[in-house]
PDB file of N, CA and C in Angstrom:
ATOM      1  N   UNK A   1      28.887 -43.842 -26.576  1.00  0.00           N
ATOM      2  CA  UNK A   1      29.996 -44.488 -25.506  1.00  0.00           C
ATOM      3  C   UNK A   1      29.654 -43.969 -23.888  1.00  0.00           C
ATOM      4  N   UNK A   2      29.104 -44.673 -23.328  1.00  0.00           N
ATOM      5  CA  UNK A   2      28.829 -44.217 -22.117  1.00  0.00           C
ATOM      6  C   UNK A   2      29.801 -43.712 -20.990  1.00  0.00           C
ATOM      7  N   UNK A   3      29.980 -43.123 -20.361  1.00  0.00           N
ATOM      8  CA  UNK A   3      30.756 -42.246 -19.554  1.00  0.00           C
ATOM      9  C   UNK A   3      32.007 -41.565 -19.889  1.00  0.00           C
ATOM     10  N   UNK A   4      31.865 -41.460 -21.083  1.00  0.00           N
ATOM     11  CA  UNK A   4      33.270 -40.910 -21.656  1.00  0.00           C
ATOM     12  C   UNK A   4      32.958 -39.256 -22.012  1.00  0.00           C
ATOM     13  N   UNK A   5      34.143 -38.482 -21.400  1.00  0.00           N
ATOM     14  CA  UNK A   5      33.690 -37.397 -21.394  1.00  0.00           C
ATOM     15  C   UNK A   5      34.824 -36.233 -22.021  1.00  0.00           C
ATOM     16  N   UNK A   6      33.907 -35.485 -23.119  1.00  0.00           N
ATOM     17  CA  UNK A   6      34.949 -35.038 -24.033  1.00  0.00           C
ATOM     18  C   UNK A   6      35.130 -33.312 -23.509  1.00  0.00           C
ATOM     19  N   UNK A   7      36.475 -32.866 -23.855  1.00  0.00           N
ATOM     20  CA  UNK A   7      36.636 -31.427 -23.323  1.00  0.00           C
ATOM     21  C   UNK A   7      36.251 -30.589 -23.576  1.00  0.00           C
ATOM     22  N   UNK A   8      35.456 -30.866 -25.078  1.00  0.00           N
ATOM     23  CA  UNK A   8      34.816 -30.147 -26.239  1.00  0.00           C
ATOM     24  C   UNK A   8      33.359 -30.309 -25.698  1.00  0.00           C
ATOM     25  N   UNK A   9      33.221 -31.055 -24.943  1.00  0.00           N
ATOM     26  CA  UNK A   9      31.470 -30.724 -24.774  1.00  0.00           C
ATOM     27  C   UNK A   9      31.503 -29.783 -23.294  1.00  0.00           C
ATOM     28  N   UNK A  10      30.037 -29.054 -23.620  1.00  0.00           N
ATOM     29  CA  UNK A  10      29.786 -27.952 -22.158  1.00  0.00           C
ATOM     30  C   UNK A  10      29.015 -28.659 -21.280  1.00  0.00           C
ATOM     31  N   UNK A  11      29.231 -28.573 -19.992  1.00  0.00           N
ATOM     32  CA  UNK A  11      28.367 -29.042 -19.144  1.00  0.00           C
ATOM     33  C   UNK A  11      26.957 -28.417 -19.278  1.00  0.00           C
ATOM     34  N   UNK A  12      25.589 -28.980 -19.307  1.00  0.00           N
ATOM     35  CA  UNK A  12      24.392 -28.297 -19.234  1.00  0.00           C
ATOM     36  C   UNK A  12      24.139 -27.551 -17.703  1.00  0.00           C
ATOM     37  N   UNK A  13      23.986 -26.803 -17.506  1.00  0.00           N
ATOM     38  CA  UNK A  13      23.657 -25.741 -16.360  1.00  0.00           C
ATOM     39  C   UNK A  13      21.949 -25.630 -16.501  1.00  0.00           C
ATOM     40  N   UNK A  14      21.431 -26.104 -15.295  1.00  0.00           N
ATOM     41  CA  UNK A  14      20.179 -25.663 -14.853  1.00  0.00           C
ATOM     42  C   UNK A  14      20.031 -24.444 -14.312  1.00  0.00           C
ATOM     43  N   UNK A  15      18.986 -23.822 -15.147  1.00  0.00           N
ATOM     44  CA  UNK A  15      18.645 -22.007 -14.145  1.00  0.00           C
ATOM     45  C   UNK A  15      17.871 -22.534 -12.857  1.00  0.00           C
ATOM     46  N   UNK A  16      18.423 -21.700 -12.301  1.00  0.00           N
ATOM     47  CA  UNK A  16      17.512 -21.819 -10.745  1.00  0.00           C
ATOM     48  C   UNK A  16      16.228 -21.462 -11.097  1.00  0.00           C
ATOM     49  N   UNK A  17      15.175 -21.685 -10.370  1.00  0.00           N
ATOM     50  CA  UNK A  17      13.553 -21.412 -10.529  1.00  0.00           C
ATOM     51  C   UNK A  17      14.069 -20.429  -9.606  1.00  0.00           C
ATOM     52  N   UNK A  18      13.008 -19.196 -10.307  1.00  0.00           N
ATOM     53  CA  UNK A  18      13.098 -17.605  -9.740  1.00  0.00           C
ATOM     54  C   UNK A  18      11.565 -17.852  -9.308  1.00  0.00           C
ATOM     55  N   UNK A  19      10.845 -16.775  -8.794  1.00  0.00           N
ATOM     56  CA  UNK A  19       9.500 -16.839  -8.302  1.00  0.00           C
ATOM     57  C   UNK A  19       9.118 -15.861  -9.497  1.00  0.00           C
ATOM     58  N   UNK A  20       7.771 -15.870  -9.726  1.00  0.00           N
ATOM     59  CA  UNK A  20       7.406 -15.359 -10.542  1.00  0.00           C
ATOM     60  C   UNK A  20       7.083 -14.068 -10.361  1.00  0.00           C
ATOM     61  N   UNK A  21       7.473 -12.705 -11.174  1.00  0.00           N
ATOM     62  CA  UNK A  21       7.351 -11.541 -10.609  1.00  0.00           C
ATOM     63  C   UNK A  21       5.816 -11.528 -10.896  1.00  0.00           C
ATOM     64  N   UNK A  22       5.378  -9.817  -9.968  1.00  0.00           N
ATOM     65  CA  UNK A  22       4.166  -9.645 -10.611  1.00  0.00           C
ATOM     66  C   UNK A  22       4.023  -8.469 -11.976  1.00  0.00           C
ATOM     67  N   UNK A  23       3.391  -8.591 -12.797  1.00  0.00           N
ATOM     68  CA  UNK A  23       3.441  -7.673 -13.869  1.00  0.00           C
ATOM     69  C   UNK A  23       1.945  -6.725 -14.259  1.00  0.00           C
ATOM     70  N   UNK A  24       2.166  -5.435 -14.409  1.00  0.00           N
ATOM     71  CA  UNK A  24       1.041  -4.784 -14.855  1.00  0.00           C
ATOM     72  C   UNK A  24       0.631  -4.664 -16.027  1.00  0.00           C
ATOM     73  N   UNK A  25      -0.507  -4.830 -16.148  1.00  0.00           N
ATOM     74  CA  UNK A  25      -1.106  -5.395 -17.430  1.00  0.00           C
ATOM     75  C   UNK A  25      -2.171  -4.045 -18.078  1.00  0.00           C
ATOM     76  N   UNK A  26      -2.509  -3.641 -18.909  1.00  0.00           N
ATOM     77  CA  UNK A  26      -3.798  -2.410 -19.014  1.00  0.00           C
ATOM     78  C   UNK A  26      -5.013  -3.466 -19.524  1.00  0.00           C
ATOM     79  N   UNK A  27      -6.019  -3.567 -19.069  1.00  0.00           N
ATOM     80  CA  UNK A  27      -7.552  -3.576 -19.938  1.00  0.00           C
ATOM     81  C   UNK A  27      -8.384  -2.736 -19.999  1.00  0.00           C
ATOM     82  N   UNK A  28      -9.578  -2.894 -20.651  1.00  0.00           N
ATOM     83  CA  UNK A  28     -10.501  -2.280 -21.329  1.00  0.00           C
ATOM     84  C   UNK A  28     -11.432  -1.751 -19.945  1.00  0.00           C
ATOM     85  N   UNK A  29     -11.840  -2.883 -19.338  1.00  0.00           N
ATOM     86  CA  UNK A  29     -12.846  -3.286 -18.500  1.00  0.00           C
ATOM     87  C   UNK A  29     -12.727  -4.224 -17.628  1.00  0.00           C
ATOM     88  N   UNK A  30     -14.007  -4.540 -16.715  1.00  0.00           N
ATOM     89  CA  UNK A  30     -13.894  -5.788 -16.205  1.00  0.00           C
ATOM     90  C   UNK A  30     -13.925  -6.893 -16.554  1.00  0.00           C
ATOM     91  N   UNK A  31     -14.963  -6.834 -17.863  1.00  0.00           N
ATOM     92  CA  UNK A  31     -14.677  -8.290 -18.484  1.00  0.00           C
ATOM     93  C   UNK A  31     -13.551  -8.397 -19.068  1.00  0.00           C
ATOM     94  N   UNK A  32     -12.992  -7.469 -19.614  1.00  0.00           N
ATOM     95  CA  UNK A  32     -11.401  -7.835 -19.900  1.00  0.00           C
ATOM     96  C   UNK A  32     -10.571  -8.503 -18.746  1.00  0.00           C
ATOM     97  N   UNK A  33     -10.755  -7.978 -17.732  1.00  0.00           N
ATOM     98  CA  UNK A  33     -10.084  -8.465 -16.711  1.00  0.00           C
ATOM     99  C   UNK A  33     -10.335 -10.145 -16.609  1.00  0.00           C
ATOM    100  N   UNK A  34     -11.301 -10.248 -16.480  1.00  0.00           N
ATOM    101  CA  UNK A  34     -11.969 -11.564 -16.406  1.00  0.00           C
ATOM    102  C   UNK A  34     -11.375 -12.357 -17.461  1.00  0.00           C
ATOM    103  N   UNK A  35     -11.343 -12.126 -18.949  1.00  0.00           N
ATOM    104  CA  UNK A  35     -11.120 -13.121 -19.449  1.00  0.00           C
ATOM    105  C   UNK A  35      -9.525 -12.997 -19.740  1.00  0.00           C
ATOM    106  N   UNK A  36      -8.710 -12.080 -18.993  1.00  0.00           N
ATOM    107  CA  UNK A  36      -7.228 -11.993 -19.176  1.00  0.00           C
ATOM    108  C   UNK A  36      -6.783 -13.628 -18.817  1.00  0.00           C
ATOM    109  N   UNK A  37      -6.002 -14.099 -19.838  1.00  0.00           N
ATOM    110  CA  UNK A  37      -5.938 -15.416 -19.650  1.00  0.00           C
ATOM    111  C   UNK A  37      -4.364 -15.347 -18.773  1.00  0.00           C
ATOM    112  N   UNK A  38      -4.180 -16.389 -17.458  1.00  0.00           N
ATOM    113  CA  UNK A  38      -2.731 -16.585 -16.870  1.00  0.00           C
ATOM    114  C   UNK A  38      -2.542 -17.585 -16.467  1.00  0.00           C
ATOM    115  N   UNK A  39      -1.292 -18.173 -16.390  1.00  0.00           N
ATOM    116  CA  UNK A  39      -0.882 -19.533 -16.101  1.00  0.00           C
ATOM    117  C   UNK A  39      -1.448 -19.747 -14.324  1.00  0.00           C
ATOM    118  N   UNK A  40      -1.643 -21.077 -13.832  1.00  0.00           N
ATOM    119  CA  UNK A  40      -1.734 -21.385 -12.620  1.00  0.00           C
ATOM    120  C   UNK A  40      -1.016 -20.978 -11.749  1.00  0.00           C
ATOM    121  N   UNK A  41      -1.330 -20.665 -10.441  1.00  0.00           N
ATOM    122  CA  UNK A  41      -0.097 -20.096  -9.497  1.00  0.00           C
ATOM    123  C   UNK A  41       0.677 -19.213  -9.968  1.00  0.00           C
ATOM    124  N   UNK A  42      -0.416 -17.875 -10.471  1.00  0.00           N
ATOM    125  CA  UNK A  42      -0.033 -16.140 -10.681  1.00  0.00           C
ATOM    126  C   UNK A  42      -0.692 -15.366 -10.421  1.00  0.00           C
ATOM    127  N   UNK A  43      -0.187 -14.260 -10.374  1.00  0.00           N
ATOM    128  CA  UNK A  43      -0.726 -13.029  -9.911  1.00  0.00           C
ATOM    129  C   UNK A  43      -0.848 -11.522 -11.028  1.00  0.00           C
ATOM    130  N   UNK A  44      -1.631 -10.840 -10.993  1.00  0.00           N
ATOM    131  CA  UNK A  44      -1.343  -9.736 -12.116  1.00  0.00           C
ATOM    132  C   UNK A  44      -2.109  -8.532 -11.441  1.00  0.00           C
ATOM    133  N   UNK A  45      -1.737  -7.452 -11.918  1.00  0.00           N
ATOM    134  CA  UNK A  45      -2.422  -6.110 -11.439  1.00  0.00           C
ATOM    135  C   UNK A  45      -3.055  -5.645 -12.857  1.00  0.00           C
ATOM    136  N   UNK A  46      -4.346  -5.742 -12.874  1.00  0.00           N
ATOM    137  CA  UNK A  46      -4.564  -5.333 -14.570  1.00  0.00           C
ATOM    138  C   UNK A  46      -5.288  -3.527 -13.992  1.00  0.00           C
ATOM    139  N   UNK A  47      -4.746  -2.920 -15.193  1.00  0.00           N
ATOM    140  CA  UNK A  47      -4.999  -1.658 -15.009  1.00  0.00           C
ATOM    141  C   UNK A  47      -6.115  -1.196 -15.648  1.00  0.00           C
ATOM    142  N   UNK A  48      -7.165  -0.407 -15.208  1.00  0.00           N
ATOM    143  CA  UNK A  48      -8.712  -0.227 -16.241  1.00  0.00           C
ATOM    144  C   UNK A  48      -8.115   0.964 -16.839  1.00  0.00           C
ATOM    145  N   UNK A  49      -7.620   0.739 -18.155  1.00  0.00           N
ATOM    146  CA  UNK A  49      -7.681   1.982 -19.091  1.00  0.00           C
ATOM    147  C   UNK A  49      -9.028   3.127 -19.512  1.00  0.00           C
ATOM    148  N   UNK A  50     -10.080   2.893 -18.892  1.00  0.00           N
ATOM    149  CA  UNK A  50     -10.802   3.868 -19.357  1.00  0.00           C
ATOM    150  C   UNK A  50     -11.304   4.857 -17.841  1.00  0.00           C
ATOM    151  N   UNK A  51     -11.134   3.943 -16.802  1.00  0.00           N
ATOM    152  CA  UNK A  51     -11.605   4.557 -15.501  1.00  0.00           C
ATOM    153  C   UNK A  51     -11.022   4.404 -14.074  1.00  0.00           C
ATOM    154  N   UNK A  52     -10.572   5.197 -13.533  1.00  0.00           N
ATOM    155  CA  UNK A  52      -9.696   5.132 -12.238  1.00  0.00           C
ATOM    156  C   UNK A  52      -9.939   4.244 -11.342  1.00  0.00           C
ATOM    157  N   UNK A  53      -9.832   2.542 -11.932  1.00  0.00           N
ATOM    158  CA  UNK A  53      -9.878   1.438 -11.110  1.00  0.00           C
ATOM    159  C   UNK A  53      -8.984   0.533 -11.654  1.00  0.00           C
ATOM    160  N   UNK A  54      -8.460  -0.319 -10.973  1.00  0.00           N
ATOM    161  CA  UNK A  54      -7.419  -1.429 -11.024  1.00  0.00           C
ATOM    162  C   UNK A  54      -7.703  -2.619 -10.515  1.00  0.00           C
ATOM    163  N   UNK A  55      -7.897  -3.749 -11.027  1.00  0.00           N
ATOM    164  CA  UNK A  55      -8.030  -5.116 -10.687  1.00  0.00           C
ATOM    165  C   UNK A  55      -6.857  -5.915 -10.616  1.00  0.00           C
ATOM    166  N   UNK A  56      -7.232  -6.904  -8.911  1.00  0.00           N
ATOM    167  CA  UNK A  56      -5.540  -7.872  -8.974  1.00  0.00           C
ATOM    168  C   UNK A  56      -6.625  -9.388  -9.619  1.00  0.00           C
ATOM    169  N   UNK A  57      -5.835  -9.550  -9.973  1.00  0.00           N
ATOM    170  CA  UNK A  57      -6.351 -11.355 -10.369  1.00  0.00           C
ATOM    171  C   UNK A  57      -5.452 -12.589 -10.382  1.00  0.00           C
ATOM    172  N   UNK A  58      -5.454 -13.487  -9.340  1.00  0.00           N
ATOM    173  CA  UNK A  58      -5.044 -14.386  -8.904  1.00  0.00           C
ATOM    174  C   UNK A  58      -5.505 -15.752  -9.216  1.00  0.00           C
ATOM    175  N   UNK A  59      -4.597 -16.369  -9.447  1.00  0.00           N
ATOM    176  CA  UNK A  59      -4.769 -18.000 -10.010  1.00  0.00           C
ATOM    177  C   UNK A  59      -4.228 -18.984  -8.662  1.00  0.00           C
ATOM    178  N   UNK A  60      -5.027 -19.980  -8.631  1.00  0.00           N
ATOM    179  CA  UNK A  60      -4.346 -20.954  -7.665  1.00  0.00           C
ATOM    180  C   UNK A  60      -3.815 -22.130  -8.440  1.00  0.00           C
ATOM    181  N   UNK A  61      -3.620 -23.375  -8.040  1.00  0.00           N
ATOM    182  CA  UNK A  61      -3.066 -24.257  -8.691  1.00  0.00           C
ATOM    183  C   UNK A  61      -3.491 -24.876  -9.622  1.00  0.00           C
ATOM    184  N   UNK A  62      -5.253 -24.748  -9.635  1.00  0.00           N
ATOM    185  CA  UNK A  62      -5.896 -25.457 -10.684  1.00  0.00           C
ATOM    186  C   UNK A  62      -6.368 -24.745 -11.935  1.00  0.00           C
ATOM    187  N   UNK A  63      -5.650 -23.466 -11.468  1.00  0.00           N
ATOM    188  CA  UNK A  63      -6.139 -22.186 -12.630  1.00  0.00           C
ATOM    189  C   UNK A  63      -7.327 -21.848 -12.206  1.00  0.00           C
ATOM    190  N   UNK A  64      -8.111 -21.569 -11.421  1.00  0.00           N
ATOM    191  CA  UNK A  64      -9.212 -20.929 -10.884  1.00  0.00           C
ATOM    192  C   UNK A  64      -8.479 -19.394 -10.240  1.00  0.00           C
ATOM    193  N   UNK A  65      -9.310 -18.357 -10.855  1.00  0.00           N
ATOM    194  CA  UNK A  65      -8.957 -16.830 -10.806  1.00  0.00           C
ATOM    195  C   UNK A  65      -9.872 -16.598  -9.418  1.00  0.00           C
ATOM    196  N   UNK A  66      -9.167 -15.681  -8.947  1.00  0.00           N
ATOM    197  CA  UNK A  66      -9.980 -14.695  -8.061  1.00  0.00           C
ATOM    198  C   UNK A  66      -9.951 -13.235  -8.349  1.00  0.00           C
ATOM    199  N   UNK A  67     -10.920 -12.389  -8.812  1.00  0.00           N
ATOM    200  CA  UNK A  67     -10.459 -10.932  -9.041  1.00  0.00           C
ATOM    201  C   UNK A  67     -11.312 -10.232  -8.016  1.00  0.00           C
ATOM    202  N   UNK A  68     -10.409  -9.017  -8.075  1.00  0.00           N
ATOM    203  CA  UNK A  68     -10.845  -8.021  -6.895  1.00  0.00           C
ATOM    204  C   UNK A  68     -10.643  -6.531  -7.537  1.00  0.00           C
ATOM    205  N   UNK A  69     -11.691  -5.538  -7.603  1.00  0.00           N
ATOM    206  CA  UNK A  69     -11.528  -4.298  -8.065  1.00  0.00           C
ATOM    207  C   UNK A  69     -11.369  -3.096  -6.990  1.00  0.00           C
ATOM    208  N   UNK A  70     -10.766  -2.604  -7.234  1.00  0.00           N
ATOM    209  CA  UNK A  70     -10.257  -1.293  -6.421  1.00  0.00           C
ATOM    210  C   UNK A  70     -10.561   0.177  -7.340  1.00  0.00           C
ATOM    211  N   UNK A  71     -10.921   1.114  -6.630  1.00  0.00           N
ATOM    212  CA  UNK A  71     -10.714   2.416  -7.281  1.00  0.00           C
ATOM    213  C   UNK A  71      -9.800   3.084  -6.635  1.00  0.00           C
ATOM    214  N   UNK A  72      -9.381   4.175  -7.652  1.00  0.00           N
ATOM    215  CA  UNK A  72      -8.126   4.954  -6.940  1.00  0.00           C
ATOM    216  C   UNK A  72      -8.989   6.174  -6.788  1.00  0.00           C
ATOM    217  N   UNK A  73      -8.538   6.925  -5.542  1.00  0.00           N
ATOM    218  CA  UNK A  73      -9.233   7.907  -5.082  1.00  0.00           C
ATOM    219  C   UNK A  73      -8.084   8.913  -4.861  1.00  0.00           C
ATOM    220  N   UNK A  74      -8.650  10.244  -5.117  1.00  0.00           N
ATOM    221  CA  UNK A  74      -7.262  11.500  -5.020  1.00  0.00           C
ATOM    222  C   UNK A  74      -7.737  11.766  -3.428  1.00  0.00           C
ATOM    223  N   UNK A  75      -6.008  11.739  -2.637  1.00  0.00           N
ATOM    224  CA  UNK A  75      -6.040  12.064  -1.347  1.00  0.00           C
ATOM    225  C   UNK A  75      -5.839  13.669  -1.287  1.00  0.00           C
ATOM    226  N   UNK A  76      -6.671  14.207  -0.299  1.00  0.00           N
ATOM    227  CA  UNK A  76      -6.767  15.796   0.077  1.00  0.00           C
ATOM    228  C   UNK A  76      -5.625  15.620   1.034  1.00  0.00           C
ATOM    229  N   UNK A  77      -4.670  16.999   0.504  1.00  0.00           N
ATOM    230  CA  UNK A  77      -3.574  17.031   1.503  1.00  0.00           C
ATOM    231  C   UNK A  77      -4.231  17.846   2.867  1.00  0.00           C
ATOM    232  N   UNK A  78      -3.396  17.255   3.700  1.00  0.00           N
ATOM    233  CA  UNK A  78      -4.136  17.442   5.029  1.00  0.00           C
ATOM    234  C   UNK A  78      -3.562  19.071   5.585  1.00  0.00           C
ATOM    235  N   UNK A  79      -4.629  19.353   6.012  1.00  0.00           N
ATOM    236  CA  UNK A  79      -4.793  20.748   6.305  1.00  0.00           C
ATOM    237  C   UNK A  79      -4.070  21.091   7.667  1.00  0.00           C
ATOM    238  N   UNK A  80      -3.073  22.107   8.014  1.00  0.00           N
ATOM    239  CA  UNK A  80      -2.165  22.273   9.501  1.00  0.00           C
ATOM    240  C   UNK A  80      -3.190  22.190  10.181  1.00  0.00           C
ATOM    241  N   UNK A  81      -2.869  21.907  11.316  1.00  0.00           N
ATOM    242  CA  UNK A  81      -3.377  22.189  12.750  1.00  0.00           C
ATOM    243  C   UNK A  81      -3.541  23.239  13.323  1.00  0.00           C
ATOM    244  N   UNK A  82      -4.574  23.809  13.892  1.00  0.00           N
ATOM    245  CA  UNK A  82      -4.410  25.212  14.129  1.00  0.00           C
ATOM    246  C   UNK A  82      -3.606  25.212  15.826  1.00  0.00           C
ATOM    247  N   UNK A  83      -2.602  26.223  16.006  1.00  0.00           N
ATOM    248  CA  UNK A  83      -1.779  26.289  17.253  1.00  0.00           C
ATOM    249  C   UNK A  83      -2.425  27.754  17.694  1.00  0.00           C
ATOM    250  N   UNK A  84      -1.971  27.812  19.375  1.00  0.00           N
ATOM    251  CA  UNK A  84      -2.457  28.876  19.601  1.00  0.00           C
ATOM    252  C   UNK A  84      -1.119  29.920  19.259  1.00  0.00           C
ATOM    253  N   UNK A  85      -0.834  30.979  19.470  1.00  0.00           N
ATOM    254  CA  UNK A  85       0.283  31.841  19.089  1.00  0.00           C
ATOM    255  C   UNK A  85       1.188  31.837  20.681  1.00  0.00           C
ATOM    256  N   UNK A  86       2.380  32.255  20.654  1.00  0.00           N
ATOM    257  CA  UNK A  86       3.074  32.499  21.999  1.00  0.00           C
ATOM    258  C   UNK A  86       2.043  33.259  22.973  1.00  0.00           C
ATOM    259  N   UNK A  87       1.463  34.640  22.055  1.00  0.00           N
ATOM    260  CA  UNK A  87       0.776  35.547  23.109  1.00  0.00           C
ATOM    261  C   UNK A  87      -0.186  35.153  23.806  1.00  0.00           C
ATOM    262  N   UNK A  88      -1.074  34.254  22.815  1.00  0.00           N
ATOM    263  CA  UNK A  88      -2.306  33.305  23.395  1.00  0.00           C
ATOM    264  C   UNK A  88      -2.033  32.644  24.747  1.00  0.00           C
ATOM    265  N   UNK A  89      -0.634  31.715  24.413  1.00  0.00           N
ATOM    266  CA  UNK A  89      -0.539  31.041  25.429  1.00  0.00           C
ATOM    267  C   UNK A  89      -0.190  31.687  27.008  1.00  0.00           C
ATOM    268  N   UNK A  90       0.744  33.037  26.337  1.00  0.00           N
ATOM    269  CA  UNK A  90       1.096  33.628  27.862  1.00  0.00           C
ATOM    270  C   UNK A  90      -0.162  33.926  28.486  1.00  0.00           C
ATOM    271  N   UNK A  91      -1.392  34.565  27.840  1.00  0.00           N
ATOM    272  CA  UNK A  91      -2.325  35.328  28.138  1.00  0.00           C
ATOM    273  C   UNK A  91      -3.110  33.974  28.822  1.00  0.00           C
ATOM    274  N   UNK A  92      -3.245  32.798  28.160  1.00  0.00           N
ATOM    275  CA  UNK A  92      -4.100  31.679  29.093  1.00  0.00           C
ATOM    276  C   UNK A  92      -3.347  31.427  30.125  1.00  0.00           C
ATOM    277  N   UNK A  93      -1.987  31.456  30.398  1.00  0.00           N
ATOM    278  CA  UNK A  93      -0.944  31.086  31.410  1.00  0.00           C
ATOM    279  C   UNK A  93      -1.156  32.008  32.481  1.00  0.00           C
ATOM    280  N   UNK A  94      -1.545  33.381  32.235  1.00  0.00           N
ATOM    281  CA  UNK A  94      -1.518  34.213  33.562  1.00  0.00           C
ATOM    282  C   UNK A  94      -2.826  34.214  33.929  1.00  0.00           C
ATOM    283  N   UNK A  95      -4.163  34.224  33.165  1.00  0.00           N
ATOM    284  CA  UNK A  95      -5.310  33.748  33.693  1.00  0.00           C
ATOM    285  C   UNK A  95      -5.655  32.414  34.291  1.00  0.00           C
ATOM    286  N   UNK A  96      -4.730  31.478  33.891  1.00  0.00           N
ATOM    287  CA  UNK A  96      -4.816  30.142  34.859  1.00  0.00           C
ATOM    288  C   UNK A  96      -4.110  30.309  36.453  1.00  0.00           C
ATOM    289  N   UNK A  97      -2.648  31.055  36.107  1.00  0.00           N
ATOM    290  CA  UNK A  97      -2.272  31.785  37.635  1.00  0.00           C
ATOM    291  C   UNK A  97      -3.307  32.329  38.530  1.00  0.00           C
ATOM    292  N   UNK A  98      -3.936  33.460  37.713  1.00  0.00           N
ATOM    293  CA  UNK A  98      -4.869  34.376  38.485  1.00  0.00           C
ATOM    294  C   UNK A  98      -5.990  33.365  39.181  1.00  0.00           C
ATOM    295  N   UNK A  99      -6.245  32.149  38.310  1.00  0.00           N
ATOM    296  CA  UNK A  99      -7.177  31.625  39.066  1.00  0.00           C
ATOM    297  C   UNK A  99      -6.727  30.752  39.993  1.00  0.00           C
ATOM    298  N   UNK A 100      -5.529  30.343  39.749  1.00  0.00           N
ATOM    299  CA  UNK A 100      -5.054  29.254  40.864  1.00  0.00           C
ATOM    300  C   UNK A 100      -4.888  30.017  42.190  1.00  0.00           C
ATOM    301  N   UNK A 101      -4.480  31.338  42.219  1.00  0.00           N
ATOM    302  CA  UNK A 101      -4.180  32.174  43.332  1.00  0.00           C
ATOM    303  C   UNK A 101      -5.523  32.414  44.273  1.00  0.00           C
ATOM    304  N   UNK A 102      -6.452  32.814  42.988  1.00  0.00           N
ATOM    305  CA  UNK A 102      -7.686  33.125  43.739  1.00  0.00           C
ATOM    306  C   UNK A 102      -8.470  32.096  44.768  1.00  0.00           C
ATOM    307  N   UNK A 103      -8.006  30.836  43.902  1.00  0.00           N
ATOM    308  CA  UNK A 103      -8.752  29.451  44.485  1.00  0.00           C
ATOM    309  C   UNK A 103      -7.690  29.163  45.936  1.00  0.00           C
ATOM    310  N   UNK A 104      -6.216  29.558  45.762  1.00  0.00           N
ATOM    311  CA  UNK A 104      -5.420  29.081  46.932  1.00  0.00           C
ATOM    312  C   UNK A 104      -5.952  30.566  48.198  1.00  0.00           C
ATOM    313  N   UNK A 105      -6.058  31.578  47.974  1.00  0.00           N
ATOM    314  CA  UNK A 105      -6.529  32.505  48.877  1.00  0.00           C
ATOM    315  C   UNK A 105      -7.778  32.346  49.736  1.00  0.00           C
ATOM    316  N   UNK A 106      -8.806  31.540  48.660  1.00  0.00           N
ATOM    317  CA  UNK A 106     -10.007  31.262  49.588  1.00  0.00           C
ATOM    318  C   UNK A 106      -9.714  30.207  50.254  1.00  0.00           C
ATOM    319  N   UNK A 107      -9.192  29.107  49.773  1.00  0.00           N
ATOM    320  CA  UNK A 107      -8.889  27.751  50.888  1.00  0.00           C
ATOM    321  C   UNK A 107      -7.891  28.412  51.816  1.00  0.00           C
ATOM    322  N   UNK A 108      -7.394  29.366  51.724  1.00  0.00           N
ATOM    323  CA  UNK A 108      -6.020  29.761  53.076  1.00  0.00           C
ATOM    324  C   UNK A 108      -7.214  30.526  54.374  1.00  0.00           C
ATOM    325  N   UNK A 109      -8.052  31.339  53.594  1.00  0.00           N
ATOM    326  CA  UNK A 109      -9.093  31.930  54.348  1.00  0.00           C
ATOM    327  C   UNK A 109      -9.998  30.970  55.366  1.00  0.00           C
ATOM    328  N   UNK A 110     -10.219  30.379  54.701  1.00  0.00           N
ATOM    329  CA  UNK A 110     -11.239  29.422  55.216  1.00  0.00           C
ATOM    330  C   UNK A 110     -10.632  28.832  56.614  1.00  0.00           C
TER     331      UNK A 110
END
């Protein structure tokens, strides 16, 4: 029957389309990353299981893949910048005042 509604029927709700989440997968090398199968319009991070390297693989609407590889590099902790001590600063300030006083005395005498 058309247009008949039974209270026993459950309406079908459609799930909203969610953006595809980026996932992380492990591969053995770049050739494994190249052969990794993906759906069109998707992206994945592929971690190299043998080297400190990872690959990003992105497919367009036609399924064509673009792969880029990146190497991990350990970062060095920055060494603190050297600062002058308060005593060194006061000594420098006194020397600077002495130079200014001498140049002022010479200009006044002329």
